[in-house]
Amino acid sequence: MKRFRRAGSAMTAGALLTLAVCGLPASGEATTVGAQGTNLGLTAVSARGEGSAPKRCRTDALSAQLGRQDPGAGNVYAPLVLTNTSAQTCWVYGFVGLIMFDGNGDALRTRVRRDNVRPQRVVLKPRASAHALLHWVTVQTGAEKRCPASARLMIIAPDEVAHLEIPFTARPCDDGRIDVRPLAPGARP
């Protein structure tokens, strides 16, 4: 019976270590996990010496802007930059949501297509930025007649419901299609 309890304790310690490691930021920020004492009480400790990991960035802690547009041969690429405006470190993960508006404030058909790229967690210290590379086509093809003219862009950060808005004068063809990459570190690709 004692052998079973020890095996169970070893399995529990292994499971706790796995949970501790899996729950830490995957942004490349140095993080350590250490065992303390003889009872193998495991704790996650960041390289900054804090006992808690950063939380997800909320919309009210972010600002947005569109980086320099790079047009060529009917294609436009531009980084959508989210910056941490809070005094706390936080993280973002995944894809932004987008909705275009015309000059009258009416919502335009916006077809957001996520690129087949695996997202990564991006840790943002205060004033640090992450970007999502946007792509759209400005040339009509075939029988297409819809390239809506936008004036503003609503941005919904990953896992948020509140939004940010920025000026966005563009005419994405293919019925308002914008291809989006997941958020990545830095202000530009």
C-alpha atoms as a PDB file:
ATOM      1  CA  MET A   1       0.000   0.000   0.000  1.00  0.00           C
ATOM      2  CA  LYS A   2       2.812   2.436   0.788  1.00  0.00           C
ATOM      3  CA  ARG A   3       4.397   1.743  -2.595  1.00  0.00           C
ATOM      4  CA  PHE A   4       1.123   2.764  -4.293  1.00  0.00           C
ATOM      5  CA  ARG A   5       1.009   6.048  -2.340  1.00  0.00           C
ATOM      6  CA  ARG A   6       4.585   6.918  -3.297  1.00  0.00           C
ATOM      7  CA  ALA A   7       3.874   6.178  -6.934  1.00  0.00           C
ATOM      8  CA  GLY A   8       0.753   8.315  -6.676  1.00  0.00           C
ATOM      9  CA  SER A   9       2.766  11.124  -5.062  1.00  0.00           C
ATOM     10  CA  ALA A  10       5.375  10.932  -7.821  1.00  0.00           C
ATOM     11  CA  MET A  11       2.615  10.989 -10.433  1.00  0.00           C
ATOM     12  CA  THR A  12       0.979  13.971  -8.695  1.00  0.00           C
ATOM     13  CA  ALA A  13       4.298  15.846  -8.577  1.00  0.00           C
ATOM     14  CA  GLY A  14       4.844  15.072 -12.268  1.00  0.00           C
ATOM     15  CA  ALA A  15       1.346  16.270 -13.126  1.00  0.00           C
ATOM     16  CA  LEU A  16       1.860  19.489 -11.143  1.00  0.00           C
ATOM     17  CA  LEU A  17       5.170  20.114 -12.897  1.00  0.00           C
ATOM     18  CA  THR A  18       3.481  19.563 -16.267  1.00  0.00           C
ATOM     19  CA  LEU A  19       0.644  21.942 -15.357  1.00  0.00           C
ATOM     20  CA  ALA A  20       3.070  24.555 -14.079  1.00  0.00           C
ATOM     21  CA  VAL A  21       5.147  24.424 -17.267  1.00  0.00           C
ATOM     22  CA  CYS A  22       2.101  24.433 -19.577  1.00  0.00           C
ATOM     23  CA  GLY A  23       0.584  27.434 -17.822  1.00  0.00           C
ATOM     24  CA  LEU A  24       3.632  29.647 -18.322  1.00  0.00           C
ATOM     25  CA  PRO A  25       4.037  32.193 -21.131  1.00  0.00           C
ATOM     26  CA  ALA A  26       5.201  30.710 -24.424  1.00  0.00           C
ATOM     27  CA  SER A  27       6.691  33.970 -25.688  1.00  0.00           C
ATOM     28  CA  GLY A  28      10.338  33.119 -25.259  1.00  0.00           C
ATOM     29  CA  GLU A  29      10.495  35.198 -22.065  1.00  0.00           C
ATOM     30  CA  ALA A  30      12.755  33.405 -19.613  1.00  0.00           C
ATOM     31  CA  THR A  31      10.792  31.524 -17.011  1.00  0.00           C
ATOM     32  CA  THR A  32      11.868  28.946 -14.463  1.00  0.00           C
ATOM     33  CA  VAL A  33      10.062  26.269 -12.534  1.00  0.00           C
ATOM     34  CA  GLY A  34      11.633  25.067  -9.293  1.00  0.00           C
ATOM     35  CA  ALA A  35      10.899  22.438  -6.655  1.00  0.00           C
ATOM     36  CA  GLN A  36      11.038  23.702  -3.097  1.00  0.00           C
ATOM     37  CA  GLY A  37      11.464  21.693   0.102  1.00  0.00           C
ATOM     38  CA  THR A  38      11.248  17.956   0.599  1.00  0.00           C
ATOM     39  CA  ASN A  39       7.528  17.694  -0.152  1.00  0.00           C
ATOM     40  CA  LEU A  40       8.099  18.727  -3.808  1.00  0.00           C
ATOM     41  CA  GLY A  41       5.813  21.769  -3.546  1.00  0.00           C
ATOM     42  CA  LEU A  42       6.165  23.207  -7.038  1.00  0.00           C
ATOM     43  CA  THR A  43       5.831  26.867  -7.860  1.00  0.00           C
ATOM     44  CA  ALA A  44       6.140  28.853 -11.069  1.00  0.00           C
ATOM     45  CA  VAL A  45       8.500  31.810 -10.802  1.00  0.00           C
ATOM     46  CA  SER A  46       9.209  34.208 -13.651  1.00  0.00           C
ATOM     47  CA  ALA A  47      12.672  35.510 -14.436  1.00  0.00           C
ATOM     48  CA  ARG A  48      11.583  38.879 -12.983  1.00  0.00           C
ATOM     49  CA  GLY A  49      11.148  37.172  -9.606  1.00  0.00           C
ATOM     50  CA  GLU A  50       7.387  37.720  -9.495  1.00  0.00           C
ATOM     51  CA  GLY A  51       5.106  34.959  -8.280  1.00  0.00           C
ATOM     52  CA  SER A  52       2.374  35.521 -10.877  1.00  0.00           C
ATOM     53  CA  ALA A  53       2.398  35.440 -14.648  1.00  0.00           C
ATOM     54  CA  PRO A  54       1.108  38.355 -16.750  1.00  0.00           C
ATOM     55  CA  LYS A  55      -2.596  38.423 -17.598  1.00  0.00           C
ATOM     56  CA  ARG A  56      -4.256  38.678 -20.994  1.00  0.00           C
ATOM     57  CA  CYS A  57      -4.286  42.191 -22.477  1.00  0.00           C
ATOM     58  CA  ARG A  58      -7.712  43.784 -22.229  1.00  0.00           C
ATOM     59  CA  THR A  59      -8.952  46.234 -24.857  1.00  0.00           C
ATOM     60  CA  ASP A  60      -8.671  49.193 -22.479  1.00  0.00           C
ATOM     61  CA  ALA A  61      -4.934  48.447 -22.116  1.00  0.00           C
ATOM     62  CA  LEU A  62      -4.300  48.582 -25.885  1.00  0.00           C
ATOM     63  CA  SER A  63      -4.047  51.173 -28.636  1.00  0.00           C
ATOM     64  CA  ALA A  64      -4.144  50.405 -32.361  1.00  0.00           C
ATOM     65  CA  GLN A  65      -2.679  51.896 -35.512  1.00  0.00           C
ATOM     66  CA  LEU A  66      -2.080  50.805 -39.066  1.00  0.00           C
ATOM     67  CA  GLY A  67       1.576  50.699 -40.069  1.00  0.00           C
ATOM     68  CA  ARG A  68       2.959  51.694 -43.451  1.00  0.00           C
ATOM     69  CA  GLN A  69       1.000  50.225 -46.347  1.00  0.00           C
ATOM     70  CA  ASP A  70       3.109  48.360 -48.891  1.00  0.00           C
ATOM     71  CA  PRO A  71       1.188  48.244 -52.197  1.00  0.00           C
ATOM     72  CA  GLY A  72       2.311  46.412 -55.312  1.00  0.00           C
ATOM     73  CA  ALA A  73       0.682  44.691 -58.297  1.00  0.00           C
ATOM     74  CA  GLY A  74      -2.829  45.105 -56.891  1.00  0.00           C
ATOM     75  CA  ASN A  75      -1.899  43.710 -53.446  1.00  0.00           C
ATOM     76  CA  VAL A  76      -1.567  45.736 -50.269  1.00  0.00           C
ATOM     77  CA  TYR A  77       0.196  44.578 -47.096  1.00  0.00           C
ATOM     78  CA  ALA A  78       0.137  46.553 -43.844  1.00  0.00           C
ATOM     79  CA  PRO A  79       0.843  45.717 -40.196  1.00  0.00           C
ATOM     80  CA  LEU A  80      -1.963  46.375 -37.744  1.00  0.00           C
ATOM     81  CA  VAL A  81      -0.089  47.329 -34.572  1.00  0.00           C
ATOM     82  CA  LEU A  82      -1.468  46.838 -31.045  1.00  0.00           C
ATOM     83  CA  THR A  83       0.499  48.575 -28.269  1.00  0.00           C
ATOM     84  CA  ASN A  84       0.261  47.966 -24.522  1.00  0.00           C
ATOM     85  CA  THR A  85      -0.655  51.372 -23.046  1.00  0.00           C
ATOM     86  CA  SER A  86      -0.992  50.111 -19.461  1.00  0.00           C
ATOM     87  CA  ALA A  87       1.634  50.074 -16.708  1.00  0.00           C
ATOM     88  CA  GLN A  88       1.396  46.256 -16.434  1.00  0.00           C
ATOM     89  CA  THR A  89       2.870  43.504 -18.582  1.00  0.00           C
ATOM     90  CA  CYS A  90       0.163  41.533 -20.399  1.00  0.00           C
ATOM     91  CA  TRP A  91      -0.098  39.084 -23.317  1.00  0.00           C
ATOM     92  CA  VAL A  92      -2.040  38.638 -26.546  1.00  0.00           C
ATOM     93  CA  TYR A  93      -2.660  35.433 -28.465  1.00  0.00           C
ATOM     94  CA  GLY A  94      -4.375  34.716 -31.748  1.00  0.00           C
ATOM     95  CA  PHE A  95      -6.185  36.711 -34.411  1.00  0.00           C
ATOM     96  CA  VAL A  96      -7.857  40.127 -34.348  1.00  0.00           C
ATOM     97  CA  GLY A  97     -11.424  40.651 -35.530  1.00  0.00           C
ATOM     98  CA  LEU A  98     -12.089  43.385 -38.107  1.00  0.00           C
ATOM     99  CA  ILE A  99     -15.109  45.314 -39.379  1.00  0.00           C
ATOM    100  CA  MET A 100     -14.874  48.113 -41.958  1.00  0.00           C
ATOM    101  CA  PHE A 101     -17.109  51.211 -41.891  1.00  0.00           C
ATOM    102  CA  ASP A 102     -17.782  53.691 -44.670  1.00  0.00           C
ATOM    103  CA  GLY A 103     -17.672  57.493 -44.377  1.00  0.00           C
ATOM    104  CA  ASN A 104     -21.301  57.551 -43.135  1.00  0.00           C
ATOM    105  CA  GLY A 105     -20.542  55.152 -40.284  1.00  0.00           C
ATOM    106  CA  ASP A 106     -22.345  52.213 -41.906  1.00  0.00           C
ATOM    107  CA  ALA A 107     -20.777  48.775 -41.507  1.00  0.00           C
ATOM    108  CA  LEU A 108     -19.380  47.318 -44.727  1.00  0.00           C
ATOM    109  CA  ARG A 109     -19.159  43.664 -45.625  1.00  0.00           C
ATOM    110  CA  THR A 110     -15.803  42.577 -44.209  1.00  0.00           C
ATOM    111  CA  ARG A 111     -14.636  39.061 -44.990  1.00  0.00           C
ATOM    112  CA  VAL A 112     -11.755  38.309 -42.628  1.00  0.00           C
ATOM    113  CA  ARG A 113      -9.716  35.274 -43.648  1.00  0.00           C
ATOM    114  CA  ARG A 114      -7.250  33.856 -41.145  1.00  0.00           C
ATOM    115  CA  ASP A 115      -3.948  32.734 -42.626  1.00  0.00           C
ATOM    116  CA  ASN A 116      -2.999  29.152 -41.850  1.00  0.00           C
ATOM    117  CA  VAL A 117      -0.246  30.144 -39.399  1.00  0.00           C
ATOM    118  CA  ARG A 118      -0.008  28.843 -35.840  1.00  0.00           C
ATOM    119  CA  PRO A 119      -0.533  31.654 -33.282  1.00  0.00           C
ATOM    120  CA  GLN A 120       1.936  32.298 -30.501  1.00  0.00           C
ATOM    121  CA  ARG A 121       1.537  34.031 -27.171  1.00  0.00           C
ATOM    122  CA  VAL A 122       3.125  37.484 -27.322  1.00  0.00           C
ATOM    123  CA  VAL A 123       4.064  39.082 -23.989  1.00  0.00           C
ATOM    124  CA  LEU A 124       3.834  42.880 -24.080  1.00  0.00           C
ATOM    125  CA  LYS A 125       5.671  44.946 -21.507  1.00  0.00           C
ATOM    126  CA  PRO A 126       4.359  48.504 -21.087  1.00  0.00           C
ATOM    127  CA  ARG A 127       4.687  50.417 -24.408  1.00  0.00           C
ATOM    128  CA  ALA A 128       5.650  47.226 -26.308  1.00  0.00           C
ATOM    129  CA  SER A 129       3.799  46.261 -29.485  1.00  0.00           C
ATOM    130  CA  ALA A 130       2.541  43.262 -31.424  1.00  0.00           C
ATOM    131  CA  HIS A 131       1.388  43.274 -35.037  1.00  0.00           C
ATOM    132  CA  ALA A 132      -0.977  41.337 -37.264  1.00  0.00           C
ATOM    133  CA  LEU A 133      -0.046  41.467 -40.937  1.00  0.00           C
ATOM    134  CA  LEU A 134      -3.059  42.399 -43.089  1.00  0.00           C
ATOM    135  CA  HIS A 135      -3.351  41.757 -46.827  1.00  0.00           C
ATOM    136  CA  TRP A 136      -6.018  42.764 -49.336  1.00  0.00           C
ATOM    137  CA  VAL A 137      -6.372  42.938 -53.108  1.00  0.00           C
ATOM    138  CA  THR A 138      -7.332  46.206 -54.833  1.00  0.00           C
ATOM    139  CA  VAL A 139      -7.937  44.890 -58.352  1.00  0.00           C
ATOM    140  CA  GLN A 140     -11.275  43.541 -59.526  1.00  0.00           C
ATOM    141  CA  THR A 141     -11.095  40.127 -61.167  1.00  0.00           C
ATOM    142  CA  GLY A 142     -13.649  38.366 -63.350  1.00  0.00           C
ATOM    143  CA  ALA A 143     -17.255  39.381 -62.711  1.00  0.00           C
ATOM    144  CA  GLU A 144     -16.427  40.972 -59.347  1.00  0.00           C
ATOM    145  CA  LYS A 145     -17.840  44.437 -58.837  1.00  0.00           C
ATOM    146  CA  ARG A 146     -17.536  44.857 -55.052  1.00  0.00           C
ATOM    147  CA  CYS A 147     -14.531  46.680 -53.640  1.00  0.00           C
ATOM    148  CA  PRO A 148     -16.128  48.616 -50.752  1.00  0.00           C
ATOM    149  CA  ALA A 149     -14.542  51.968 -49.889  1.00  0.00           C
ATOM    150  CA  SER A 150     -13.868  52.118 -46.168  1.00  0.00           C
ATOM    151  CA  ALA A 151     -13.124  55.087 -43.920  1.00  0.00           C
ATOM    152  CA  ARG A 152     -12.657  53.398 -40.529  1.00  0.00           C
ATOM    153  CA  LEU A 153     -11.707  49.995 -39.162  1.00  0.00           C
ATOM    154  CA  MET A 154     -13.050  48.426 -35.972  1.00  0.00           C
ATOM    155  CA  ILE A 155     -10.511  46.132 -34.317  1.00  0.00           C
ATOM    156  CA  ILE A 156     -11.464  43.500 -31.772  1.00  0.00           C
ATOM    157  CA  ALA A 157      -8.476  42.144 -29.858  1.00  0.00           C
ATOM    158  CA  PRO A 158      -8.357  38.350 -29.381  1.00  0.00           C
ATOM    159  CA  ASP A 159     -10.855  37.067 -26.796  1.00  0.00           C
ATOM    160  CA  GLU A 160     -12.316  40.549 -26.255  1.00  0.00           C
ATOM    161  CA  VAL A 161     -15.726  42.097 -26.993  1.00  0.00           C
ATOM    162  CA  ALA A 162     -14.813  45.783 -26.621  1.00  0.00           C
ATOM    163  CA  HIS A 163     -13.202  47.319 -29.693  1.00  0.00           C
ATOM    164  CA  LEU A 164     -10.786  49.957 -30.950  1.00  0.00           C
ATOM    165  CA  GLU A 165     -11.306  52.087 -34.079  1.00  0.00           C
ATOM    166  CA  ILE A 166      -8.762  53.640 -36.430  1.00  0.00           C
ATOM    167  CA  PRO A 167      -8.905  55.498 -39.757  1.00  0.00           C
ATOM    168  CA  PHE A 168      -8.754  53.004 -42.655  1.00  0.00           C
ATOM    169  CA  THR A 169      -9.089  54.286 -46.206  1.00  0.00           C
ATOM    170  CA  ALA A 170      -8.940  51.201 -48.368  1.00  0.00           C
ATOM    171  CA  ARG A 171     -10.918  49.410 -51.074  1.00  0.00           C
ATOM    172  CA  PRO A 172     -10.506  45.655 -50.454  1.00  0.00           C
ATOM    173  CA  CYS A 173     -11.881  43.694 -53.415  1.00  0.00           C
ATOM    174  CA  ASP A 174     -13.275  40.161 -53.323  1.00  0.00           C
ATOM    175  CA  ASP A 175     -16.304  41.564 -51.506  1.00  0.00           C
ATOM    176  CA  GLY A 176     -14.285  43.181 -48.691  1.00  0.00           C
ATOM    177  CA  ARG A 177     -11.829  40.349 -48.056  1.00  0.00           C
ATOM    178  CA  ILE A 178      -8.907  41.015 -45.717  1.00  0.00           C
ATOM    179  CA  ASP A 179      -6.391  38.240 -44.985  1.00  0.00           C
ATOM    180  CA  VAL A 180      -5.050  38.329 -41.406  1.00  0.00           C
ATOM    181  CA  ARG A 181      -2.032  36.690 -39.803  1.00  0.00           C
ATOM    182  CA  PRO A 182      -1.974  36.003 -36.046  1.00  0.00           C
ATOM    183  CA  LEU A 183      -0.397  38.556 -33.732  1.00  0.00           C
ATOM    184  CA  ALA A 184       3.403  38.441 -33.656  1.00  0.00           C
ATOM    185  CA  PRO A 185       6.026  40.380 -31.646  1.00  0.00           C
ATOM    186  CA  GLY A 186       7.074  43.883 -32.689  1.00  0.00           C
ATOM    187  CA  ALA A 187       5.516  46.738 -34.621  1.00  0.00           C
ATOM    188  CA  ARG A 188       6.344  45.375 -38.085  1.00  0.00           C
ATOM    189  CA  PRO A 189       6.926  42.088 -39.869  1.00  0.00           C
END
